[in-house]
N, C-alpha and C. Protein backbone atom coordinates (compact mmCIF):
# COMPACT_ATOMS: atom_id res chain seq x y z
N UNK A 1 57.91 130.89 88.38
CA UNK A 1 57.30 129.62 88.84
C UNK A 1 57.50 129.47 90.33
N UNK A 2 56.48 128.92 91.02
CA UNK A 2 56.56 128.78 92.46
C UNK A 2 57.17 127.46 92.87
N UNK A 3 56.40 126.66 93.62
CA UNK A 3 56.90 125.37 94.10
C UNK A 3 57.13 124.42 92.93
N UNK A 4 58.02 123.44 93.11
CA UNK A 4 58.13 122.37 92.11
C UNK A 4 56.78 121.69 91.92
N UNK A 5 56.55 121.14 90.74
CA UNK A 5 55.30 120.46 90.42
C UNK A 5 55.57 118.97 90.29
N UNK A 6 54.79 118.17 91.02
CA UNK A 6 54.91 116.71 90.95
C UNK A 6 53.66 116.13 90.31
N UNK A 7 53.83 115.51 89.17
CA UNK A 7 52.75 114.71 88.58
C UNK A 7 52.85 113.31 89.15
N UNK A 8 51.74 112.82 89.69
CA UNK A 8 51.76 111.57 90.43
C UNK A 8 50.47 110.80 90.21
N UNK A 9 50.51 109.51 90.53
CA UNK A 9 49.32 108.65 90.52
C UNK A 9 49.36 107.85 91.81
N UNK A 10 48.32 107.97 92.60
CA UNK A 10 48.35 107.47 93.97
C UNK A 10 48.77 106.01 94.08
N UNK A 11 48.28 105.14 93.20
CA UNK A 11 48.51 103.71 93.35
C UNK A 11 49.79 103.21 92.68
N UNK A 12 50.49 104.05 91.98
CA UNK A 12 51.72 103.64 91.31
C UNK A 12 52.86 103.50 92.33
N UNK A 13 53.51 102.33 92.42
CA UNK A 13 54.58 102.17 93.41
C UNK A 13 55.77 103.08 93.17
N UNK A 14 56.07 103.40 91.92
CA UNK A 14 57.15 104.35 91.65
C UNK A 14 56.80 105.73 92.21
N UNK A 15 55.56 106.14 92.01
CA UNK A 15 55.12 107.43 92.53
C UNK A 15 55.06 107.42 94.06
N UNK A 16 54.69 106.28 94.64
CA UNK A 16 54.66 106.18 96.11
C UNK A 16 56.03 106.47 96.71
N UNK A 17 57.07 105.84 96.15
CA UNK A 17 58.38 106.02 96.76
C UNK A 17 58.90 107.44 96.55
N UNK A 18 58.51 108.07 95.45
CA UNK A 18 58.89 109.47 95.26
C UNK A 18 58.17 110.35 96.28
N UNK A 19 56.88 110.10 96.50
CA UNK A 19 56.12 110.92 97.45
C UNK A 19 56.64 110.73 98.88
N UNK A 20 56.97 109.49 99.25
CA UNK A 20 57.53 109.26 100.59
C UNK A 20 58.82 110.04 100.78
N UNK A 21 59.66 110.06 99.77
CA UNK A 21 60.93 110.77 99.88
C UNK A 21 60.71 112.27 100.00
N UNK A 22 59.81 112.81 99.21
CA UNK A 22 59.51 114.24 99.29
C UNK A 22 58.91 114.59 100.64
N UNK A 23 58.02 113.75 101.13
CA UNK A 23 57.40 114.00 102.43
C UNK A 23 58.45 113.96 103.54
N UNK A 24 59.33 112.98 103.48
CA UNK A 24 60.37 112.85 104.48
C UNK A 24 61.34 114.03 104.44
N UNK A 25 61.65 114.50 103.25
CA UNK A 25 62.63 115.59 103.10
C UNK A 25 62.08 116.94 103.51
N UNK A 26 60.75 117.07 103.50
CA UNK A 26 60.15 118.36 103.82
C UNK A 26 60.10 119.32 102.65
N UNK A 27 60.47 118.83 101.45
CA UNK A 27 60.39 119.67 100.26
C UNK A 27 58.92 119.85 99.88
N UNK A 28 58.50 121.08 99.75
CA UNK A 28 57.11 121.34 99.40
C UNK A 28 56.95 121.37 97.89
N UNK A 29 55.98 120.62 97.38
CA UNK A 29 55.70 120.60 95.95
C UNK A 29 54.21 120.82 95.72
N UNK A 30 53.87 121.17 94.49
CA UNK A 30 52.47 121.19 94.08
C UNK A 30 52.15 119.82 93.51
N UNK A 31 51.24 119.11 94.14
CA UNK A 31 50.87 117.76 93.71
C UNK A 31 49.75 117.83 92.67
N UNK A 32 49.98 117.15 91.55
CA UNK A 32 48.96 117.05 90.52
C UNK A 32 48.67 115.57 90.31
N UNK A 33 47.52 115.12 90.79
CA UNK A 33 47.12 113.72 90.68
C UNK A 33 46.66 113.42 89.26
N UNK A 34 47.24 112.37 88.68
CA UNK A 34 47.01 112.03 87.28
C UNK A 34 46.17 110.76 87.18
N UNK A 35 45.25 110.74 86.24
CA UNK A 35 44.60 109.50 85.81
C UNK A 35 45.30 109.08 84.52
N UNK A 36 45.91 107.91 84.51
CA UNK A 36 46.82 107.54 83.43
C UNK A 36 46.13 107.41 82.08
N UNK A 37 44.85 107.16 82.07
CA UNK A 37 44.13 107.09 80.79
C UNK A 37 43.74 108.49 80.28
N UNK A 38 44.01 109.51 81.09
CA UNK A 38 43.65 110.89 80.75
C UNK A 38 44.77 111.82 81.19
N UNK A 39 45.95 111.63 80.60
CA UNK A 39 47.14 112.36 81.03
C UNK A 39 47.04 113.84 80.66
N UNK A 40 47.45 114.74 81.56
CA UNK A 40 47.38 116.17 81.27
C UNK A 40 48.33 116.56 80.13
N UNK A 41 47.90 117.53 79.34
CA UNK A 41 48.73 118.00 78.22
C UNK A 41 50.08 118.52 78.71
N UNK A 42 50.07 119.28 79.81
CA UNK A 42 51.33 119.86 80.29
C UNK A 42 52.31 118.77 80.69
N UNK A 43 51.84 117.72 81.34
CA UNK A 43 52.72 116.62 81.71
C UNK A 43 53.33 115.98 80.48
N UNK A 44 52.54 115.77 79.44
CA UNK A 44 53.04 115.16 78.22
C UNK A 44 54.01 116.07 77.48
N UNK A 45 53.83 117.37 77.62
CA UNK A 45 54.75 118.33 76.99
C UNK A 45 56.13 118.26 77.64
N UNK A 46 56.17 118.17 78.98
CA UNK A 46 57.46 118.19 79.65
C UNK A 46 58.08 116.80 79.74
N UNK A 47 57.25 115.76 79.60
CA UNK A 47 57.74 114.39 79.71
C UNK A 47 56.93 113.48 78.78
N UNK A 48 57.29 113.44 77.50
CA UNK A 48 56.50 112.70 76.52
C UNK A 48 56.40 111.20 76.79
N UNK A 49 57.26 110.64 77.65
CA UNK A 49 57.16 109.20 77.93
C UNK A 49 55.84 108.86 78.62
N UNK A 50 55.22 109.84 79.29
CA UNK A 50 53.86 109.67 79.79
C UNK A 50 53.70 108.84 81.04
N UNK A 51 54.80 108.61 81.77
CA UNK A 51 54.71 107.84 83.01
C UNK A 51 54.94 108.74 84.21
N UNK A 52 54.47 108.29 85.36
CA UNK A 52 54.68 109.04 86.61
C UNK A 52 55.64 108.25 87.49
N UNK A 53 56.31 108.97 88.41
CA UNK A 53 56.21 110.39 88.70
C UNK A 53 57.07 111.24 87.76
N UNK A 54 56.69 112.50 87.64
CA UNK A 54 57.49 113.51 86.95
C UNK A 54 57.54 114.73 87.85
N UNK A 55 58.75 115.24 88.08
CA UNK A 55 58.93 116.41 88.93
C UNK A 55 59.53 117.54 88.10
N UNK A 56 58.82 118.66 88.05
CA UNK A 56 59.29 119.86 87.37
C UNK A 56 59.77 120.85 88.42
N UNK A 57 61.07 121.11 88.43
CA UNK A 57 61.64 122.02 89.42
C UNK A 57 61.41 123.48 89.03
N UNK A 58 61.60 124.34 90.01
CA UNK A 58 61.34 125.77 89.81
C UNK A 58 62.22 126.39 88.74
N UNK A 59 63.41 125.81 88.52
CA UNK A 59 64.32 126.34 87.50
C UNK A 59 64.09 125.72 86.13
N UNK A 60 63.06 124.90 86.01
CA UNK A 60 62.74 124.29 84.73
C UNK A 60 63.32 122.90 84.54
N UNK A 61 64.15 122.45 85.47
CA UNK A 61 64.70 121.09 85.39
C UNK A 61 63.58 120.07 85.53
N UNK A 62 63.64 119.02 84.72
CA UNK A 62 62.63 117.96 84.75
C UNK A 62 63.29 116.68 85.24
N UNK A 63 62.73 116.07 86.29
CA UNK A 63 63.23 114.79 86.80
C UNK A 63 62.14 113.76 86.52
N UNK A 64 62.47 112.77 85.67
CA UNK A 64 61.44 111.86 85.15
C UNK A 64 61.46 110.47 85.77
N UNK A 65 62.42 110.18 86.63
CA UNK A 65 62.51 108.85 87.21
C UNK A 65 62.35 108.93 88.72
N UNK A 66 61.63 107.97 89.30
CA UNK A 66 61.36 108.01 90.74
C UNK A 66 62.64 107.97 91.57
N UNK A 67 63.59 107.13 91.18
CA UNK A 67 64.83 107.06 91.96
C UNK A 67 65.58 108.37 91.92
N UNK A 68 65.57 109.04 90.78
CA UNK A 68 66.24 110.34 90.69
C UNK A 68 65.55 111.38 91.57
N UNK A 69 64.23 111.30 91.68
CA UNK A 69 63.50 112.20 92.59
C UNK A 69 63.91 111.91 94.04
N UNK A 70 64.04 110.62 94.37
CA UNK A 70 64.47 110.25 95.72
C UNK A 70 65.88 110.78 96.03
N UNK A 71 66.78 110.60 95.09
CA UNK A 71 68.16 111.05 95.29
C UNK A 71 68.23 112.57 95.36
N UNK A 72 67.37 113.25 94.61
CA UNK A 72 67.35 114.71 94.65
C UNK A 72 66.82 115.22 95.99
N UNK A 73 65.83 114.55 96.55
CA UNK A 73 65.15 115.08 97.73
C UNK A 73 65.79 114.67 99.05
N UNK A 74 66.43 113.49 99.09
CA UNK A 74 67.01 112.99 100.34
C UNK A 74 68.53 113.15 100.34
N UNK A 75 69.08 113.54 101.48
CA UNK A 75 70.53 113.73 101.53
C UNK A 75 71.26 112.40 101.60
N UNK A 76 72.58 112.46 101.56
CA UNK A 76 73.40 111.25 101.43
C UNK A 76 73.31 110.33 102.64
N UNK A 77 72.82 110.82 103.77
CA UNK A 77 72.70 109.97 104.95
C UNK A 77 71.72 108.82 104.72
N UNK A 78 70.86 108.95 103.71
CA UNK A 78 69.89 107.89 103.40
C UNK A 78 70.50 106.80 102.53
N UNK A 79 71.68 107.06 101.97
CA UNK A 79 72.31 106.11 101.03
C UNK A 79 73.30 105.24 101.79
N UNK A 80 72.78 104.28 102.49
CA UNK A 80 73.63 103.43 103.34
C UNK A 80 73.61 101.99 102.83
N UNK A 81 74.65 101.25 103.19
CA UNK A 81 74.72 99.84 102.83
C UNK A 81 74.71 99.64 101.32
N UNK A 82 74.22 98.50 100.89
CA UNK A 82 74.19 98.18 99.46
C UNK A 82 72.83 98.55 98.86
N UNK A 83 72.38 99.78 99.16
CA UNK A 83 71.08 100.25 98.73
C UNK A 83 70.91 100.16 97.21
N UNK A 84 71.99 100.47 96.48
CA UNK A 84 71.88 100.49 95.02
C UNK A 84 71.66 99.08 94.48
N UNK A 85 72.36 98.09 95.01
CA UNK A 85 72.15 96.71 94.56
C UNK A 85 70.73 96.24 94.84
N UNK A 86 70.22 96.59 96.02
CA UNK A 86 68.85 96.21 96.38
C UNK A 86 67.83 96.81 95.41
N UNK A 87 68.03 98.08 95.07
CA UNK A 87 67.10 98.74 94.15
C UNK A 87 67.24 98.18 92.75
N UNK A 88 68.45 97.85 92.34
CA UNK A 88 68.65 97.24 91.02
C UNK A 88 67.89 95.92 90.90
N UNK A 89 67.96 95.08 91.94
CA UNK A 89 67.24 93.80 91.93
C UNK A 89 65.74 94.05 91.94
N UNK A 90 65.29 94.99 92.76
CA UNK A 90 63.86 95.29 92.85
C UNK A 90 63.31 95.79 91.52
N UNK A 91 64.00 96.76 90.93
CA UNK A 91 63.50 97.38 89.71
C UNK A 91 63.72 96.50 88.48
N UNK A 92 64.58 95.50 88.60
CA UNK A 92 64.84 94.59 87.50
C UNK A 92 64.16 93.26 87.68
N UNK A 93 64.83 92.31 88.34
CA UNK A 93 64.34 90.94 88.45
C UNK A 93 63.01 90.86 89.21
N UNK A 94 62.92 91.53 90.37
CA UNK A 94 61.68 91.42 91.16
C UNK A 94 60.49 92.01 90.40
N UNK A 95 60.67 93.18 89.81
CA UNK A 95 59.57 93.82 89.07
C UNK A 95 59.16 92.96 87.87
N UNK A 96 60.12 92.34 87.21
CA UNK A 96 59.83 91.45 86.10
C UNK A 96 58.86 90.34 86.54
N UNK A 97 59.18 89.68 87.64
CA UNK A 97 58.33 88.58 88.10
C UNK A 97 57.02 89.10 88.70
N UNK A 98 57.07 90.23 89.38
CA UNK A 98 55.84 90.81 89.95
C UNK A 98 54.82 91.10 88.86
N UNK A 99 55.26 91.74 87.78
CA UNK A 99 54.33 92.08 86.70
C UNK A 99 53.71 90.84 86.09
N UNK A 100 54.52 89.80 85.91
CA UNK A 100 54.03 88.59 85.26
C UNK A 100 53.24 87.69 86.20
N UNK A 101 53.40 87.90 87.49
CA UNK A 101 52.52 87.26 88.48
C UNK A 101 51.18 87.96 88.52
N UNK A 102 51.21 89.27 88.59
CA UNK A 102 49.99 90.05 88.77
C UNK A 102 49.18 90.17 87.48
N UNK A 103 49.87 90.30 86.35
CA UNK A 103 49.19 90.53 85.06
C UNK A 103 49.64 89.49 84.03
N UNK A 104 49.60 88.23 84.39
CA UNK A 104 50.20 87.18 83.56
C UNK A 104 49.62 87.13 82.15
N UNK A 105 48.33 87.46 82.00
CA UNK A 105 47.70 87.35 80.68
C UNK A 105 48.15 88.44 79.71
N UNK A 106 48.91 89.43 80.21
CA UNK A 106 49.41 90.49 79.33
C UNK A 106 50.72 90.11 78.65
N UNK A 107 51.31 89.01 79.08
CA UNK A 107 52.65 88.65 78.61
C UNK A 107 52.62 87.30 77.92
N UNK A 108 53.52 87.16 76.96
CA UNK A 108 53.74 85.86 76.34
C UNK A 108 54.86 85.18 77.11
N UNK A 109 54.52 84.16 77.87
CA UNK A 109 55.46 83.55 78.79
C UNK A 109 55.57 82.05 78.57
N UNK A 110 56.66 81.51 79.05
CA UNK A 110 56.73 80.07 79.22
C UNK A 110 56.45 79.71 80.67
N UNK A 111 56.40 80.73 81.54
CA UNK A 111 56.16 80.51 82.96
C UNK A 111 54.74 80.91 83.32
N UNK A 112 54.16 80.20 84.26
CA UNK A 112 52.82 80.54 84.75
C UNK A 112 52.89 81.66 85.77
N UNK A 113 51.74 82.20 86.11
CA UNK A 113 51.66 83.21 87.16
C UNK A 113 52.25 82.69 88.46
N UNK A 114 51.94 81.44 88.79
CA UNK A 114 52.43 80.85 90.05
C UNK A 114 53.95 80.69 90.03
N UNK A 115 54.50 80.37 88.88
CA UNK A 115 55.96 80.23 88.79
C UNK A 115 56.66 81.58 88.95
N UNK A 116 56.10 82.61 88.35
CA UNK A 116 56.66 83.95 88.56
C UNK A 116 56.53 84.36 90.03
N UNK A 117 55.42 84.01 90.64
CA UNK A 117 55.21 84.30 92.07
C UNK A 117 56.30 83.65 92.91
N UNK A 118 56.65 82.42 92.60
CA UNK A 118 57.68 81.72 93.37
C UNK A 118 59.05 82.36 93.19
N UNK A 119 59.36 82.81 91.97
CA UNK A 119 60.63 83.49 91.74
C UNK A 119 60.71 84.78 92.56
N UNK A 120 59.62 85.54 92.57
CA UNK A 120 59.59 86.77 93.36
C UNK A 120 59.70 86.47 94.85
N UNK A 121 59.01 85.43 95.29
CA UNK A 121 59.05 85.06 96.71
C UNK A 121 60.45 84.65 97.14
N UNK A 122 61.22 84.07 96.23
CA UNK A 122 62.59 83.69 96.59
C UNK A 122 63.45 84.93 96.85
N UNK A 123 63.16 86.01 96.16
CA UNK A 123 63.85 87.28 96.44
C UNK A 123 63.41 87.83 97.79
N UNK A 124 62.13 87.74 98.09
CA UNK A 124 61.64 88.20 99.39
C UNK A 124 62.27 87.41 100.54
N UNK A 125 62.58 86.15 100.29
CA UNK A 125 63.24 85.35 101.33
C UNK A 125 64.60 85.94 101.69
N UNK A 126 65.32 86.48 100.71
CA UNK A 126 66.61 87.11 101.02
C UNK A 126 66.42 88.37 101.85
N UNK A 127 65.30 89.09 101.63
CA UNK A 127 65.01 90.26 102.47
C UNK A 127 64.72 89.82 103.90
N UNK A 128 63.94 88.73 104.04
CA UNK A 128 63.60 88.24 105.37
C UNK A 128 64.86 87.85 106.14
N UNK A 129 65.81 87.24 105.45
CA UNK A 129 67.07 86.86 106.10
C UNK A 129 67.83 88.10 106.56
N UNK A 130 67.85 89.15 105.76
CA UNK A 130 68.48 90.42 106.16
C UNK A 130 67.81 90.98 107.42
N UNK A 131 66.49 90.91 107.42
CA UNK A 131 65.72 91.54 108.49
C UNK A 131 65.68 90.70 109.76
N UNK A 132 66.28 89.53 109.73
CA UNK A 132 66.27 88.67 110.92
C UNK A 132 67.14 89.22 112.04
N UNK A 133 68.08 90.10 111.71
CA UNK A 133 68.94 90.65 112.75
C UNK A 133 69.10 92.16 112.66
N UNK A 134 68.20 92.81 111.93
CA UNK A 134 68.21 94.27 111.87
C UNK A 134 66.81 94.75 111.52
N UNK A 135 66.51 95.98 111.89
CA UNK A 135 65.14 96.48 111.75
C UNK A 135 64.79 96.82 110.30
N UNK A 136 65.79 97.22 109.52
CA UNK A 136 65.54 97.65 108.15
C UNK A 136 66.52 96.97 107.20
N UNK A 137 66.33 97.17 105.92
CA UNK A 137 67.09 96.42 104.93
C UNK A 137 68.58 96.69 104.97
N UNK A 138 68.96 97.89 105.38
CA UNK A 138 70.39 98.25 105.39
C UNK A 138 70.89 98.60 106.79
N UNK A 139 70.20 98.16 107.81
CA UNK A 139 70.64 98.44 109.17
C UNK A 139 69.47 98.68 110.10
N UNK A 140 69.74 99.36 111.19
CA UNK A 140 68.69 99.59 112.19
C UNK A 140 67.95 100.91 112.01
N UNK A 141 68.28 101.63 110.96
CA UNK A 141 67.57 102.87 110.64
C UNK A 141 67.00 102.76 109.23
N UNK A 142 65.85 103.37 109.02
CA UNK A 142 65.23 103.35 107.71
C UNK A 142 66.12 104.08 106.71
N UNK A 143 66.16 103.57 105.49
CA UNK A 143 67.05 104.15 104.49
C UNK A 143 66.35 104.20 103.13
N UNK A 144 67.12 104.65 102.15
CA UNK A 144 66.60 104.77 100.79
C UNK A 144 66.04 103.44 100.28
N UNK A 145 66.72 102.35 100.61
CA UNK A 145 66.28 101.04 100.13
C UNK A 145 64.88 100.69 100.64
N UNK A 146 64.60 100.99 101.89
CA UNK A 146 63.29 100.67 102.47
C UNK A 146 62.17 101.46 101.76
N UNK A 147 62.43 102.74 101.51
CA UNK A 147 61.43 103.56 100.83
C UNK A 147 61.24 103.09 99.39
N UNK A 148 62.34 102.69 98.75
CA UNK A 148 62.28 102.32 97.34
C UNK A 148 61.61 100.97 97.11
N UNK A 149 61.83 100.01 98.02
CA UNK A 149 61.34 98.65 97.80
C UNK A 149 59.95 98.40 98.37
N UNK A 150 59.59 99.06 99.47
CA UNK A 150 58.35 98.71 100.16
C UNK A 150 57.09 98.85 99.30
N UNK A 151 56.95 99.84 98.41
CA UNK A 151 55.73 99.89 97.61
C UNK A 151 55.57 98.68 96.69
N UNK A 152 56.68 98.10 96.25
CA UNK A 152 56.61 96.94 95.36
C UNK A 152 56.33 95.66 96.15
N UNK A 153 56.89 95.56 97.35
CA UNK A 153 56.56 94.42 98.20
C UNK A 153 55.08 94.49 98.58
N UNK A 154 54.59 95.68 98.84
CA UNK A 154 53.16 95.87 99.13
C UNK A 154 52.31 95.41 97.95
N UNK A 155 52.69 95.78 96.74
CA UNK A 155 51.93 95.38 95.57
C UNK A 155 51.93 93.86 95.41
N UNK A 156 53.08 93.25 95.65
CA UNK A 156 53.17 91.79 95.60
C UNK A 156 52.24 91.18 96.65
N UNK A 157 52.30 91.69 97.87
CA UNK A 157 51.48 91.15 98.96
C UNK A 157 50.00 91.27 98.66
N UNK A 158 49.58 92.38 98.10
CA UNK A 158 48.16 92.63 97.88
C UNK A 158 47.59 91.86 96.69
N UNK A 159 48.45 91.28 95.87
CA UNK A 159 47.96 90.50 94.74
C UNK A 159 47.18 89.28 95.23
N UNK A 160 47.67 88.65 96.28
CA UNK A 160 46.95 87.55 96.93
C UNK A 160 47.36 87.60 98.40
N UNK A 161 46.64 88.41 99.17
CA UNK A 161 47.05 88.68 100.54
C UNK A 161 47.03 87.43 101.41
N UNK A 162 46.05 86.57 101.20
CA UNK A 162 45.99 85.35 101.99
C UNK A 162 47.21 84.47 101.77
N UNK A 163 47.63 84.33 100.53
CA UNK A 163 48.81 83.53 100.21
C UNK A 163 50.07 84.17 100.79
N UNK A 164 50.19 85.49 100.63
CA UNK A 164 51.37 86.20 101.14
C UNK A 164 51.47 86.08 102.65
N UNK A 165 50.34 86.22 103.34
CA UNK A 165 50.36 86.21 104.80
C UNK A 165 50.79 84.87 105.38
N UNK A 166 50.62 83.78 104.63
CA UNK A 166 51.01 82.48 105.15
C UNK A 166 52.47 82.12 104.82
N UNK A 167 53.16 82.99 104.09
CA UNK A 167 54.57 82.72 103.79
C UNK A 167 55.39 82.76 105.09
N UNK A 168 56.34 81.84 105.25
CA UNK A 168 57.16 81.82 106.47
C UNK A 168 58.26 82.88 106.42
N UNK A 169 57.82 84.15 106.36
CA UNK A 169 58.74 85.28 106.28
C UNK A 169 58.39 86.30 107.37
N UNK A 170 58.52 85.92 108.63
CA UNK A 170 58.01 86.77 109.72
C UNK A 170 58.68 88.14 109.79
N UNK A 171 59.96 88.19 109.52
CA UNK A 171 60.68 89.47 109.62
C UNK A 171 60.26 90.42 108.51
N UNK A 172 60.04 89.87 107.33
CA UNK A 172 59.56 90.69 106.21
C UNK A 172 58.16 91.19 106.49
N UNK A 173 57.30 90.33 107.01
CA UNK A 173 55.94 90.75 107.35
C UNK A 173 55.95 91.90 108.34
N UNK A 174 56.77 91.81 109.37
CA UNK A 174 56.84 92.86 110.38
C UNK A 174 57.38 94.16 109.79
N UNK A 175 58.39 94.03 108.95
CA UNK A 175 58.98 95.20 108.30
C UNK A 175 57.95 95.92 107.43
N UNK A 176 57.24 95.15 106.61
CA UNK A 176 56.25 95.76 105.72
C UNK A 176 55.12 96.39 106.51
N UNK A 177 54.64 95.68 107.52
CA UNK A 177 53.54 96.23 108.33
C UNK A 177 53.97 97.54 109.01
N UNK A 178 55.21 97.57 109.50
CA UNK A 178 55.70 98.78 110.16
C UNK A 178 55.73 99.97 109.22
N UNK A 179 56.17 99.74 107.99
CA UNK A 179 56.21 100.83 107.02
C UNK A 179 54.81 101.27 106.62
N UNK A 180 53.93 100.30 106.36
CA UNK A 180 52.57 100.65 105.93
C UNK A 180 51.77 101.34 107.02
N UNK A 181 52.11 101.09 108.29
CA UNK A 181 51.42 101.75 109.39
C UNK A 181 52.08 103.06 109.81
N UNK A 182 53.18 103.41 109.17
CA UNK A 182 53.90 104.63 109.55
C UNK A 182 53.17 105.87 109.06
N UNK A 183 53.38 106.97 109.75
CA UNK A 183 52.81 108.25 109.32
C UNK A 183 53.34 108.65 107.95
N UNK A 184 54.57 108.26 107.67
CA UNK A 184 55.17 108.61 106.38
C UNK A 184 54.39 107.97 105.24
N UNK A 185 54.13 106.67 105.35
CA UNK A 185 53.39 106.00 104.27
C UNK A 185 51.95 106.48 104.22
N UNK A 186 51.31 106.60 105.37
CA UNK A 186 49.92 107.08 105.37
C UNK A 186 49.83 108.47 104.77
N UNK A 187 50.84 109.31 105.06
CA UNK A 187 50.84 110.66 104.52
C UNK A 187 50.99 110.68 103.01
N UNK A 188 51.76 109.74 102.49
CA UNK A 188 51.96 109.71 101.04
C UNK A 188 50.76 109.14 100.30
N UNK A 189 49.84 108.48 101.03
CA UNK A 189 48.71 107.82 100.39
C UNK A 189 47.39 108.58 100.56
N UNK A 190 47.45 109.81 101.03
CA UNK A 190 46.23 110.62 101.12
C UNK A 190 45.62 110.78 99.72
N UNK A 191 44.32 110.62 99.62
CA UNK A 191 43.67 110.68 98.32
C UNK A 191 43.47 112.12 97.86
N UNK A 192 43.65 112.33 96.57
CA UNK A 192 43.40 113.63 95.94
C UNK A 192 42.63 113.38 94.64
N UNK A 193 41.78 114.31 94.29
CA UNK A 193 41.03 114.18 93.05
C UNK A 193 41.94 114.45 91.86
N UNK A 194 41.51 114.00 90.70
CA UNK A 194 42.28 114.21 89.48
C UNK A 194 42.51 115.69 89.25
N UNK A 195 43.75 116.05 88.95
CA UNK A 195 44.09 117.45 88.68
C UNK A 195 43.54 117.89 87.33
N UNK A 196 42.99 119.10 87.32
CA UNK A 196 42.53 119.72 86.07
C UNK A 196 43.14 121.11 85.98
N UNK A 197 43.40 121.54 84.77
CA UNK A 197 43.94 122.88 84.54
C UNK A 197 43.02 123.91 85.20
N UNK A 198 43.62 124.82 85.99
CA UNK A 198 42.86 125.86 86.67
C UNK A 198 42.49 125.52 88.10
N UNK A 199 42.76 124.28 88.53
CA UNK A 199 42.48 123.89 89.91
C UNK A 199 43.35 124.68 90.89
N UNK A 200 42.82 124.86 92.11
CA UNK A 200 43.61 125.44 93.19
C UNK A 200 44.78 124.50 93.48
N UNK A 201 46.01 125.00 93.56
CA UNK A 201 47.17 124.13 93.79
C UNK A 201 47.05 123.34 95.08
N UNK A 202 47.46 122.07 95.04
CA UNK A 202 47.49 121.20 96.22
C UNK A 202 48.92 121.11 96.71
N UNK A 203 49.15 121.57 97.93
CA UNK A 203 50.50 121.54 98.49
C UNK A 203 50.76 120.19 99.12
N UNK A 204 51.97 119.67 98.87
CA UNK A 204 52.33 118.35 99.39
C UNK A 204 53.82 118.34 99.73
N UNK A 205 54.15 117.60 100.80
CA UNK A 205 55.56 117.29 101.08
C UNK A 205 56.19 118.09 102.16
N UNK A 206 55.50 119.05 102.75
CA UNK A 206 56.11 119.84 103.83
C UNK A 206 55.71 119.23 105.16
N UNK A 207 56.72 118.89 106.00
CA UNK A 207 56.44 118.29 107.32
C UNK A 207 55.70 119.27 108.22
């Protein structure tokens, strides 16, 4: 087997943070773009849970979680500050409210979409306070937390961009804009057609 194989879906925030980490690390992988309603047989064989990202290493090791892909690809210098607590809140409480804000009709709730939006926004306020005296979430250098959280903040922002833009969170707005305008994020968001068996391999992640 040659390069590691990454099954990914361009718009999935979990896949975004995995791709940013791989791109930043310079690890070269074969990118296979997935359409979630038409998952490849090989992906389902190695990872029956059927979600992306999935990374198949050259030695046969399978990494099925985005955070594990990030930790595998980036060295310990990226793990600064309370990165783990930030990711726990993002992947737990924030994601809970984000999903129910964005897709409220899919859930049986006692809370409205707007109420979930307010709960999520209260978490964003804590990020804005952090960013009031430092460039990134864990200091003045970009870290694992920034890569892990920014795709989800982006998804929240894009649900109702006009509403998000008027929030009094200037430091968060600047932080998000800086990441979205970075070569790293733009590089991770290059479009690729759906992968099919027999396609010419698409190389991704080498600086």
